Amino acid sequence: MYLSTDPVPKRPRSLPLYKTLLCFACVAILLANGISLLRNLDAIKAANSLQDQTTRVTEELQHLNLLVTDAESSLRGYFLSGSPLYLGTVNGAPAQIDSQLRKLSALLADNPSQQKNLAQLRTLVEHQLQMMNEALTIYRDGGLKEILTITGAPSEGDSDEIRLQVVIMLKEQNELLNARSAAFYDQYRHAVILGLGINAAAIAVLLLFYQLVQRSFAARARAEEALQAANEQLESTVTRRTEQLSVLSRHLIHVSEEEKSRLARELHDEMGANLTAIGMDLATVGEQLRTSRPDLAAMLGRARATLVDTVQLKRRIVEDLRPSLLDNLGLSAALQSYCEDYARITGLDCDVLIDGDVDSAGPMHAIALFRIVQESLNNIAKYARARSVIVHLAREDDSLALEVTDDGVGIAPDALARSKSHGLLGMRERALLLGGKLDVERGVNGVGTCVRARIPAIGSQAGSLALMPPDPSPVMPAVGSGDLGKCAA
């Protein structure tokens, strides 16, 4: 079955329809609330304007009435005392009264009913001023007696009519103000009811939004919980599989070492004995044919030389499979011999430092440390471009501590994260097989690479796979065979 590798087209993400409608509803509510506020402001402005107009009309009418009354009082004072000082008020009254009438006409321009009342008031005032001028003329011609014979009812009647007309206009202006105030109150009451409705709608929309947000939050929380559960399950599966692979890797290392040891013994014992016997036979036959058949003796000599080379090859294979010095003379001698051969072949300066009794380590400990040193030195020779190497093995309390350092280019920062890094993984698994650990890092001051391994020196039972607990630490990224030097490079 083939799976399609075409990318899945992404669906355009858009806001759901009900959420879009809710957004439009919120906008409409806000617009309605704004319009209602503007209308309320206009109504308040009109009411304040009418209140100001009524106040000014009242003041102007009272001032007009006061001007007429002052003029009458001053005229009577002139008649009684004859002092011309009273005539100043009388002579200035027409101009002031005309100015007041113009002001009232401007204030009442939008009210036809009050314009009619103002026209009547103007007629009464003009008639009153005319009567006062006539009385003043009569006083100048005939004196006080002539005035007393013609004054009385007409003048007093005009003054009363003027005051009555002022009262009528004030009353009508107040009635207009009251009517406008009642209309404004009704409009304001309707606006308040509308505002309450708008607020109720806004609260309903907010509650609906809150419910939607709460549902979205709950759905997101459920998705996060499901994702967390899946992650935990995945981590558990990965941890379990990692432990299984780690155990399998250690088992393979254990089996591999046992197989190498068995094969080395067979090669050394059986194949070595056979090659030795063949060599002895060839030497005997060659001696016998040296005089009678020198040509055949020469051929046997070449065969014997080839046999010697085969014995050397067998010896190298046996040493690679299982160093004989490791079993015969111990770990210290095996490391010394291997590092001397390594320095001679590679031309690098390789120093070995041994501290403490390291030869008392069990066979599994010895072969594990030897393989770690062997793998590290091979990688340094291939990739590190180093000039010197130091191998330091020490016995520290109840453990064996190993350090292999070089002065090469150093390990790359991302080397441990590369795939197919089986070399480091193999060294680490060898350490874990014995309950130890292995770390690879940059050298001192960032120069070169340092491989550190620490293995408990408890005895050979530590090498038993059945007694070894699984390692809870994460598996080190694998590095390929001979990859330690590649990391350093």
Protein backbone atom coordinates (compact mmCIF):
# COMPACT_ATOMS: atom_id res chain seq x y z
CA MET A 1 0.00 0.00 0.00
CA TYR A 2 1.37 3.40 -1.01
CA LEU A 3 0.63 6.53 0.95
CA SER A 4 0.21 9.81 -0.84
CA THR A 5 2.95 12.33 -0.08
CA ASP A 6 1.09 15.30 -1.52
CA PRO A 7 0.62 18.09 1.01
CA VAL A 8 -2.86 18.27 2.44
CA PRO A 9 -4.47 21.54 1.30
CA LYS A 10 -5.13 23.84 4.18
CA ARG A 11 -8.70 24.97 4.66
CA PRO A 12 -9.05 28.71 4.93
CA ARG A 13 -9.66 29.64 8.50
CA SER A 14 -12.51 32.14 8.90
CA LEU A 15 -14.66 33.35 11.76
CA PRO A 16 -17.81 31.24 12.26
CA LEU A 17 -21.05 32.81 11.07
CA TYR A 18 -22.62 33.14 14.51
CA LYS A 19 -19.55 34.92 15.83
CA THR A 20 -19.61 37.25 12.82
CA LEU A 21 -23.29 38.03 13.50
CA LEU A 22 -22.45 38.71 17.15
CA CYS A 23 -19.75 41.14 16.08
CA PHE A 24 -22.19 42.98 13.80
CA ALA A 25 -24.74 43.02 16.62
CA CYS A 26 -22.16 44.60 18.94
CA VAL A 27 -21.36 47.25 16.30
CA ALA A 28 -25.07 48.00 15.79
CA ILE A 29 -25.63 48.31 19.55
CA LEU A 30 -22.71 50.70 19.87
CA LEU A 31 -23.97 52.81 16.94
CA ALA A 32 -27.49 52.96 18.42
CA ASN A 33 -26.08 53.96 21.78
CA GLY A 34 -24.00 56.70 20.13
CA ILE A 35 -27.00 58.07 18.22
CA SER A 36 -29.08 58.05 21.40
CA LEU A 37 -26.36 59.95 23.24
CA LEU A 38 -26.19 62.55 20.46
CA ARG A 39 -29.96 63.05 20.55
CA ASN A 40 -29.89 63.42 24.32
CA LEU A 41 -27.14 66.01 24.00
CA ASP A 42 -29.19 67.94 21.41
CA ALA A 43 -32.28 67.82 23.64
CA ILE A 44 -30.31 69.02 26.66
CA LYS A 45 -28.81 71.81 24.59
CA ALA A 46 -32.29 72.90 23.36
CA ALA A 47 -33.67 72.81 26.90
CA ASN A 48 -30.78 74.88 28.22
CA SER A 49 -31.17 77.33 25.35
CA LEU A 50 -34.88 77.73 26.11
CA GLN A 51 -34.14 78.19 29.79
CA ASP A 52 -31.61 80.91 28.97
CA GLN A 53 -34.04 82.55 26.57
CA THR A 54 -36.82 82.60 29.17
CA THR A 55 -34.49 84.07 31.76
CA ARG A 56 -33.34 86.81 29.39
CA VAL A 57 -36.90 87.60 28.23
CA THR A 58 -37.98 87.89 31.88
CA GLU A 59 -35.08 90.21 32.65
CA GLU A 60 -35.65 92.36 29.58
CA LEU A 61 -39.43 92.68 30.24
CA GLN A 62 -38.80 93.62 33.86
CA HIS A 63 -36.20 96.15 32.74
CA LEU A 64 -38.65 97.59 30.21
CA ASN A 65 -41.35 97.87 32.84
CA LEU A 66 -38.81 99.49 35.17
CA LEU A 67 -37.84 102.06 32.50
CA VAL A 68 -41.49 103.03 31.94
CA THR A 69 -42.13 103.25 35.69
CA ASP A 70 -39.01 105.37 36.27
CA ALA A 71 -40.00 107.71 33.47
CA GLU A 72 -43.47 108.19 35.00
CA SER A 73 -42.02 108.71 38.48
CA SER A 74 -39.48 111.24 37.21
CA LEU A 75 -42.18 113.14 35.32
CA ARG A 76 -44.33 113.36 38.46
CA GLY A 77 -41.30 114.51 40.41
CA TYR A 78 -40.70 117.28 37.86
CA PHE A 79 -44.34 118.34 38.06
CA LEU A 80 -44.25 118.52 41.87
CA SER A 81 -40.83 120.12 42.33
CA GLY A 82 -40.21 121.89 39.07
CA SER A 83 -36.58 120.75 39.18
CA PRO A 84 -35.16 120.07 35.71
CA LEU A 85 -32.99 117.22 37.15
CA TYR A 86 -35.97 114.88 36.79
CA LEU A 87 -36.16 115.54 33.05
CA GLY A 88 -32.93 113.57 32.38
CA THR A 89 -34.63 110.27 33.03
CA VAL A 90 -37.71 111.33 31.07
CA ASN A 91 -35.72 112.45 28.03
CA GLY A 92 -33.51 109.30 28.00
CA ALA A 93 -36.38 106.86 28.45
CA PRO A 94 -37.51 106.64 24.74
CA ALA A 95 -34.08 105.54 23.49
CA GLN A 96 -33.63 103.01 26.28
CA ILE A 97 -37.14 101.68 25.84
CA ASP A 98 -36.63 101.33 22.08
CA SER A 99 -33.38 99.40 22.70
CA GLN A 100 -35.19 97.04 25.08
CA LEU A 101 -37.96 96.47 22.56
CA ARG A 102 -35.41 95.56 19.87
CA LYS A 103 -33.74 93.10 22.24
CA LEU A 104 -37.06 91.49 23.03
CA SER A 105 -37.92 91.30 19.34
CA ALA A 106 -34.64 89.46 18.69
CA LEU A 107 -35.20 87.08 21.61
CA LEU A 108 -38.79 86.29 20.57
CA ALA A 109 -38.16 86.04 16.82
CA ASP A 110 -38.98 82.30 16.76
CA ASN A 111 -42.25 82.70 18.71
CA PRO A 112 -45.12 84.24 16.64
CA SER A 113 -47.47 84.43 19.66
CA GLN A 114 -44.96 86.40 21.70
CA GLN A 115 -44.29 88.64 18.70
CA LYS A 116 -47.95 89.65 18.73
CA ASN A 117 -47.81 90.30 22.46
CA LEU A 118 -44.65 92.34 21.96
CA ALA A 119 -46.38 94.43 19.25
CA GLN A 120 -49.21 95.23 21.66
CA LEU A 121 -46.70 96.05 24.36
CA ARG A 122 -44.83 98.35 21.98
CA THR A 123 -48.13 100.15 21.13
CA LEU A 124 -48.97 100.63 24.81
CA VAL A 125 -45.49 101.89 25.66
CA GLU A 126 -45.42 104.31 22.71
CA HIS A 127 -48.84 105.61 23.70
CA GLN A 128 -47.66 106.03 27.28
CA LEU A 129 -44.59 107.98 26.11
CA GLN A 130 -46.76 110.14 23.87
CA MET A 131 -49.07 110.93 26.78
CA MET A 132 -46.09 111.86 28.91
CA ASN A 133 -44.76 114.23 26.22
CA GLU A 134 -48.19 115.87 25.92
CA ALA A 135 -48.40 116.29 29.68
CA LEU A 136 -44.95 117.86 29.73
CA THR A 137 -45.99 120.32 27.00
CA ILE A 138 -49.16 121.28 28.88
CA TYR A 139 -47.15 121.79 32.10
CA ARG A 140 -44.78 124.16 30.32
CA ASP A 141 -47.66 126.14 28.82
CA GLY A 142 -50.19 126.22 31.67
CA GLY A 143 -48.42 125.16 34.83
CA LEU A 144 -49.31 122.68 37.50
CA LYS A 145 -52.97 123.67 37.68
CA GLU A 146 -53.52 122.89 34.04
CA ILE A 147 -51.86 119.52 34.52
CA LEU A 148 -54.03 118.64 37.49
CA THR A 149 -57.16 119.28 35.47
CA ILE A 150 -56.27 116.81 32.69
CA THR A 151 -54.17 114.07 34.45
CA GLY A 152 -55.44 110.93 36.17
CA ALA A 153 -57.29 108.06 34.59
CA PRO A 154 -55.79 107.84 31.10
CA SER A 155 -52.17 107.77 32.29
CA GLU A 156 -52.80 105.36 35.12
CA GLY A 157 -54.82 103.12 32.78
CA ASP A 158 -51.98 102.91 30.27
CA SER A 159 -49.48 101.97 32.99
CA ASP A 160 -51.72 99.22 34.24
CA GLU A 161 -52.16 97.87 30.73
CA ILE A 162 -48.40 97.87 30.22
CA ARG A 163 -47.84 95.95 33.46
CA LEU A 164 -50.64 93.56 32.53
CA GLN A 165 -49.13 92.96 29.10
CA VAL A 166 -45.73 92.28 30.69
CA VAL A 167 -47.33 89.77 33.05
CA ILE A 168 -49.09 88.09 30.11
CA MET A 169 -45.86 87.78 28.18
CA LEU A 170 -44.01 86.41 31.22
CA LYS A 171 -46.76 83.92 31.83
CA GLU A 172 -46.78 82.76 28.21
CA GLN A 173 -42.99 82.46 28.21
CA ASN A 174 -43.12 80.38 31.39
CA GLU A 175 -45.87 78.22 29.93
CA LEU A 176 -43.73 77.66 26.83
CA LEU A 177 -40.80 76.75 29.06
CA ASN A 178 -42.95 74.34 31.05
CA ALA A 179 -44.30 72.75 27.88
CA ARG A 180 -40.81 72.41 26.45
CA SER A 181 -39.57 70.99 29.77
CA ALA A 182 -42.38 68.42 29.80
CA ALA A 183 -41.56 67.44 26.21
CA PHE A 184 -37.87 67.19 27.10
CA TYR A 185 -38.71 65.04 30.12
CA ASP A 186 -40.77 62.70 27.95
CA GLN A 187 -37.97 62.54 25.40
CA TYR A 188 -35.40 62.01 28.13
CA ARG A 189 -37.55 59.26 29.67
CA HIS A 190 -37.79 57.54 26.28
CA ALA A 191 -34.02 57.92 25.85
CA VAL A 192 -33.42 56.38 29.28
CA ILE A 193 -35.69 53.46 28.42
CA LEU A 194 -33.88 53.07 25.09
CA GLY A 195 -30.51 53.25 26.87
CA LEU A 196 -31.61 50.59 29.34
CA GLY A 197 -32.68 48.40 26.43
CA ILE A 198 -29.35 48.96 24.69
CA ASN A 199 -27.49 48.14 27.92
CA ALA A 200 -29.57 45.00 28.37
CA ALA A 201 -28.78 43.96 24.79
CA ALA A 202 -25.09 44.69 25.34
CA ILE A 203 -25.10 42.64 28.55
CA ALA A 204 -26.82 39.78 26.72
CA VAL A 205 -24.21 39.89 23.94
CA LEU A 206 -21.40 40.01 26.50
CA LEU A 207 -22.87 37.03 28.33
CA LEU A 208 -23.11 35.16 25.06
CA PHE A 209 -19.50 36.05 24.27
CA TYR A 210 -18.47 34.91 27.73
CA GLN A 211 -20.26 31.61 27.19
CA LEU A 212 -18.52 31.14 23.84
CA VAL A 213 -15.13 32.00 25.33
CA GLN A 214 -15.76 29.60 28.22
CA ARG A 215 -16.67 26.84 25.79
CA SER A 216 -13.58 27.56 23.67
CA PHE A 217 -11.41 27.55 26.79
CA ALA A 218 -12.92 24.26 27.95
CA ALA A 219 -12.39 22.72 24.51
CA ARG A 220 -8.81 23.96 24.47
CA ALA A 221 -8.23 22.58 27.97
CA ARG A 222 -9.61 19.19 26.90
CA ALA A 223 -7.38 19.24 23.80
CA GLU A 224 -4.35 20.12 25.93
CA GLU A 225 -5.16 17.32 28.36
CA ALA A 226 -5.56 14.86 25.49
CA LEU A 227 -2.28 16.08 23.97
CA GLN A 228 -0.52 15.79 27.32
CA ALA A 229 -1.87 12.27 27.79
CA ALA A 230 -0.71 11.34 24.28
CA ASN A 231 2.72 12.84 24.99
CA GLU A 232 3.00 10.96 28.25
CA GLN A 233 1.98 7.74 26.55
CA LEU A 234 4.48 8.41 23.76
CA GLU A 235 7.23 9.20 26.25
CA SER A 236 6.43 6.03 28.16
CA THR A 237 6.55 4.02 24.95
CA VAL A 238 9.83 5.64 23.89
CA THR A 239 11.33 5.06 27.34
CA ARG A 240 10.24 1.42 27.32
CA ARG A 241 11.54 0.82 23.80
CA THR A 242 14.78 2.64 24.65
CA GLU A 243 15.30 0.42 27.66
CA GLN A 244 14.61 -2.64 25.55
CA LEU A 245 17.07 -1.51 22.87
CA SER A 246 19.65 -0.65 25.51
CA VAL A 247 19.31 -4.08 27.11
CA LEU A 248 19.52 -5.69 23.67
CA SER A 249 22.61 -3.65 22.84
CA ARG A 250 24.36 -4.69 26.06
CA HIS A 251 23.38 -8.27 25.47
CA LEU A 252 24.84 -8.15 21.97
CA ILE A 253 28.06 -6.64 23.33
CA HIS A 254 28.24 -9.38 25.95
CA VAL A 255 27.58 -12.10 23.38
CA SER A 256 30.04 -10.53 20.95
CA GLU A 257 32.84 -10.52 23.50
CA GLU A 258 32.16 -14.12 24.46
CA GLU A 259 32.11 -15.12 20.79
CA LYS A 260 35.36 -13.26 20.13
CA SER A 261 36.98 -14.93 23.14
CA ARG A 262 35.84 -18.39 22.00
CA LEU A 263 36.98 -17.75 18.43
CA ALA A 264 40.36 -16.44 19.63
CA ARG A 265 40.88 -19.55 21.74
CA GLU A 266 40.04 -21.83 18.84
CA LEU A 267 42.31 -19.93 16.48
CA HIS A 268 45.12 -19.89 19.01
CA ASP A 269 44.81 -23.52 20.10
CA GLU A 270 43.62 -25.54 17.13
CA MET A 271 44.72 -23.42 14.19
CA GLY A 272 48.00 -22.52 15.89
CA ALA A 273 48.80 -26.18 16.55
CA ASN A 274 47.94 -27.11 12.97
CA LEU A 275 50.08 -24.36 11.51
CA THR A 276 52.97 -25.29 13.78
CA ALA A 277 52.75 -28.92 12.66
CA ILE A 278 52.64 -27.90 9.03
CA GLY A 279 55.66 -25.68 9.54
CA MET A 280 57.65 -28.47 11.15
CA ASP A 281 56.78 -30.87 8.34
CA LEU A 282 57.75 -28.37 5.69
CA ALA A 283 61.07 -27.74 7.43
CA THR A 284 61.82 -31.49 7.63
CA VAL A 285 60.95 -32.18 4.01
CA GLY A 286 62.93 -29.12 2.86
CA GLU A 287 66.06 -30.34 4.64
CA GLN A 288 65.76 -33.75 2.99
CA LEU A 289 65.30 -32.30 -0.51
CA ARG A 290 67.94 -29.63 -0.26
CA THR A 291 70.65 -31.84 -1.81
CA SER A 292 68.64 -34.08 -4.13
CA ARG A 293 65.96 -31.64 -5.35
CA PRO A 294 67.06 -28.10 -4.66
CA ASP A 295 64.21 -26.70 -6.82
CA LEU A 296 61.60 -28.43 -4.67
CA ALA A 297 63.45 -27.36 -1.53
CA ALA A 298 63.25 -23.75 -2.71
CA MET A 299 59.49 -24.11 -3.33
CA LEU A 300 59.06 -25.54 0.16
CA GLY A 301 61.07 -22.61 1.57
CA ARG A 302 58.70 -20.16 -0.08
CA ALA A 303 55.73 -22.13 1.23
CA ARG A 304 57.20 -22.06 4.68
CA ALA A 305 57.68 -18.25 4.46
CA THR A 306 54.03 -17.94 3.46
CA LEU A 307 53.14 -20.14 6.38
CA VAL A 308 55.05 -17.83 8.73
CA ASP A 309 53.14 -14.85 7.34
CA THR A 310 49.91 -16.79 7.92
CA VAL A 311 50.93 -17.43 11.51
CA GLN A 312 51.56 -13.72 12.00
CA LEU A 313 48.16 -12.93 10.46
CA LYS A 314 46.56 -15.45 12.77
CA ARG A 315 48.31 -13.84 15.72
CA ARG A 316 47.07 -10.37 14.76
CA ILE A 317 43.54 -11.68 14.32
CA VAL A 318 43.69 -13.37 17.71
CA GLU A 319 45.04 -10.20 19.35
CA ASP A 320 42.25 -8.16 17.79
CA LEU A 321 39.63 -10.63 18.93
CA ARG A 322 41.01 -11.00 22.44
CA PRO A 323 44.34 -9.45 23.51
CA SER A 324 46.43 -12.19 25.02
CA LEU A 325 48.25 -9.75 27.31
CA LEU A 326 44.90 -8.84 28.84
CA ASP A 327 44.39 -12.42 30.05
CA ASN A 328 48.02 -13.19 30.79
CA LEU A 329 49.56 -10.00 32.22
CA GLY A 330 46.53 -7.85 33.04
CA LEU A 331 44.89 -4.62 31.91
CA SER A 332 47.87 -2.35 32.65
CA ALA A 333 50.29 -4.32 30.48
CA ALA A 334 47.72 -4.68 27.68
CA LEU A 335 47.15 -0.90 27.55
CA GLN A 336 50.88 -0.17 27.64
CA SER A 337 51.58 -2.58 24.78
CA TYR A 338 48.63 -1.41 22.67
CA CYS A 339 49.54 2.29 23.10
CA GLU A 340 53.18 1.60 22.17
CA ASP A 341 52.08 -0.15 18.97
CA TYR A 342 49.58 2.67 18.33
CA ALA A 343 52.30 5.34 18.70
CA ARG A 344 54.66 3.42 16.39
CA ILE A 345 52.05 2.93 13.66
CA THR A 346 50.37 6.40 13.75
CA GLY A 347 53.37 8.53 14.69
CA LEU A 348 51.42 10.21 17.50
CA ASP A 349 52.77 10.79 20.99
CA CYS A 350 50.70 8.42 23.14
CA ASP A 351 51.29 8.39 26.89
CA VAL A 352 49.73 5.92 29.33
CA LEU A 353 49.30 6.81 33.00
CA ILE A 354 48.24 4.04 35.39
CA ASP A 355 47.36 4.87 39.02
CA GLY A 356 46.49 2.26 41.58
CA ASP A 357 45.76 -1.43 41.30
CA VAL A 358 43.81 -1.71 38.05
CA ASP A 359 44.82 -5.31 37.26
CA SER A 360 42.49 -6.63 39.96
CA ALA A 361 39.50 -5.73 37.81
CA GLY A 362 37.38 -8.61 36.55
CA PRO A 363 37.54 -9.88 32.94
CA MET A 364 34.44 -7.96 31.87
CA HIS A 365 35.81 -4.75 33.38
CA ALA A 366 39.17 -5.22 31.71
CA ILE A 367 37.82 -5.94 28.23
CA ALA A 368 35.30 -3.08 28.46
CA LEU A 369 37.98 -0.51 29.38
CA PHE A 370 40.34 -1.91 26.75
CA ARG A 371 37.68 -1.65 24.02
CA ILE A 372 36.85 1.93 25.03
CA VAL A 373 40.52 2.89 24.76
CA GLN A 374 40.85 1.01 21.47
CA GLU A 375 37.80 2.72 19.92
CA SER A 376 38.86 6.17 21.15
CA LEU A 377 42.42 5.84 19.80
CA ASN A 378 41.21 4.58 16.43
CA ASN A 379 38.89 7.56 16.08
CA ILE A 380 41.61 10.02 17.10
CA ALA A 381 43.95 8.59 14.46
CA LYS A 382 41.31 8.91 11.73
CA TYR A 383 39.67 12.27 12.39
CA ALA A 384 41.04 14.31 15.29
CA ARG A 385 44.24 15.61 13.61
CA ALA A 386 45.90 15.49 17.01
CA ARG A 387 49.62 15.41 17.86
CA SER A 388 49.47 13.79 21.29
CA VAL A 389 47.15 11.53 23.26
CA ILE A 390 47.02 10.79 26.98
CA VAL A 391 45.38 7.65 28.36
CA HIS A 392 44.84 7.86 32.11
CA LEU A 393 43.44 4.89 34.05
CA ALA A 394 43.13 5.07 37.84
CA ARG A 395 41.57 3.13 40.68
CA GLU A 396 39.44 5.54 42.73
CA ASP A 397 37.82 4.03 45.80
CA ASP A 398 35.44 1.36 44.48
CA SER A 399 35.52 2.36 40.80
CA LEU A 400 37.82 2.52 37.78
CA ALA A 401 38.16 5.94 36.15
CA LEU A 402 39.36 6.24 32.55
CA GLU A 403 40.20 9.41 30.60
CA VAL A 404 41.35 9.58 26.97
CA THR A 405 42.26 13.13 25.93
CA ASP A 406 43.79 14.57 22.77
CA ASP A 407 44.84 18.01 21.48
CA GLY A 408 43.01 17.78 18.18
CA VAL A 409 40.33 19.96 16.62
CA GLY A 410 37.74 18.98 19.25
CA ILE A 411 34.27 17.56 19.05
CA ALA A 412 31.61 19.48 17.12
CA PRO A 413 28.72 20.92 19.20
CA ASP A 414 26.12 18.93 17.23
CA ALA A 415 28.15 15.73 16.94
CA LEU A 416 26.28 13.92 19.70
CA ALA A 417 22.95 14.66 17.99
CA ARG A 418 23.92 13.05 14.68
CA SER A 419 22.31 9.82 13.58
CA LYS A 420 24.30 6.63 12.91
CA SER A 421 26.76 7.47 15.68
CA HIS A 422 27.24 3.88 16.74
CA GLY A 423 30.80 4.20 18.05
CA LEU A 424 29.94 6.35 21.04
CA LEU A 425 26.84 4.30 21.66
CA GLY A 426 28.90 1.11 21.74
CA MET A 427 31.38 2.58 24.23
CA ARG A 428 28.59 3.88 26.39
CA GLU A 429 26.74 0.59 26.36
CA ARG A 430 29.94 -1.19 27.42
CA ALA A 431 30.11 1.12 30.44
CA LEU A 432 26.41 0.70 31.17
CA LEU A 433 26.76 -3.07 30.92
CA LEU A 434 28.88 -2.87 34.09
CA GLY A 435 26.75 -0.25 35.84
CA GLY A 436 29.01 2.65 34.90
CA LYS A 437 28.72 5.71 32.66
CA LEU A 438 30.59 7.40 29.81
CA ASP A 439 30.77 11.10 28.83
CA VAL A 440 32.28 12.75 25.76
CA GLU A 441 32.98 16.48 25.77
CA ARG A 442 35.38 19.17 24.72
CA GLY A 443 38.81 19.19 26.30
CA VAL A 444 40.26 21.77 28.68
CA ASN A 445 39.70 25.33 27.40
CA GLY A 446 37.81 23.90 24.45
CA VAL A 447 40.89 22.19 22.97
CA GLY A 448 40.59 18.59 21.76
CA THR A 449 38.23 15.93 23.01
CA CYS A 450 37.95 14.14 26.33
CA VAL A 451 36.34 10.71 26.80
CA ARG A 452 35.58 9.93 30.45
CA ALA A 453 34.38 6.54 31.68
CA ARG A 454 33.73 5.42 35.24
CA ILE A 455 32.94 1.79 36.03
CA PRO A 456 32.28 0.33 39.51
CA ALA A 457 34.97 -2.21 40.44
CA ILE A 458 32.59 -4.64 42.20
CA GLY A 459 33.71 -7.89 40.59
CA SER A 460 32.76 -10.06 37.70
CA GLN A 461 29.13 -10.32 38.75
CA ALA A 462 28.62 -6.75 37.54
CA GLY A 463 28.99 -8.11 34.05
CA SER A 464 25.99 -10.35 34.43
CA LEU A 465 23.24 -9.02 32.22
CA ALA A 466 20.50 -10.61 34.28
CA LEU A 467 21.52 -8.72 37.44
CA MET A 468 21.92 -5.35 35.76
CA PRO A 469 19.02 -2.90 36.32
CA PRO A 470 17.85 -0.89 33.34
CA ASP A 471 19.50 2.51 32.99
CA PRO A 472 17.01 5.34 33.47
CA SER A 473 19.20 7.92 31.73
CA PRO A 474 18.47 8.81 28.10
CA VAL A 475 20.37 6.96 25.41
CA MET A 476 23.39 8.84 24.06
CA PRO A 477 23.06 9.63 20.33
CA ALA A 478 24.90 7.03 18.34
CA VAL A 479 28.22 7.67 16.62
CA GLY A 480 29.47 5.34 13.92
CA SER A 481 32.44 3.03 14.15
CA GLY A 482 35.46 5.22 14.44
CA ASP A 483 33.28 8.32 14.80
CA LEU A 484 34.86 9.69 17.96
CA GLY A 485 37.60 11.33 15.93
CA LYS A 486 34.95 12.53 13.51
CA CYS A 487 33.20 14.32 16.39
CA ALA A 488 36.51 15.82 17.36
CA ALA A 489 36.98 17.01 13.81
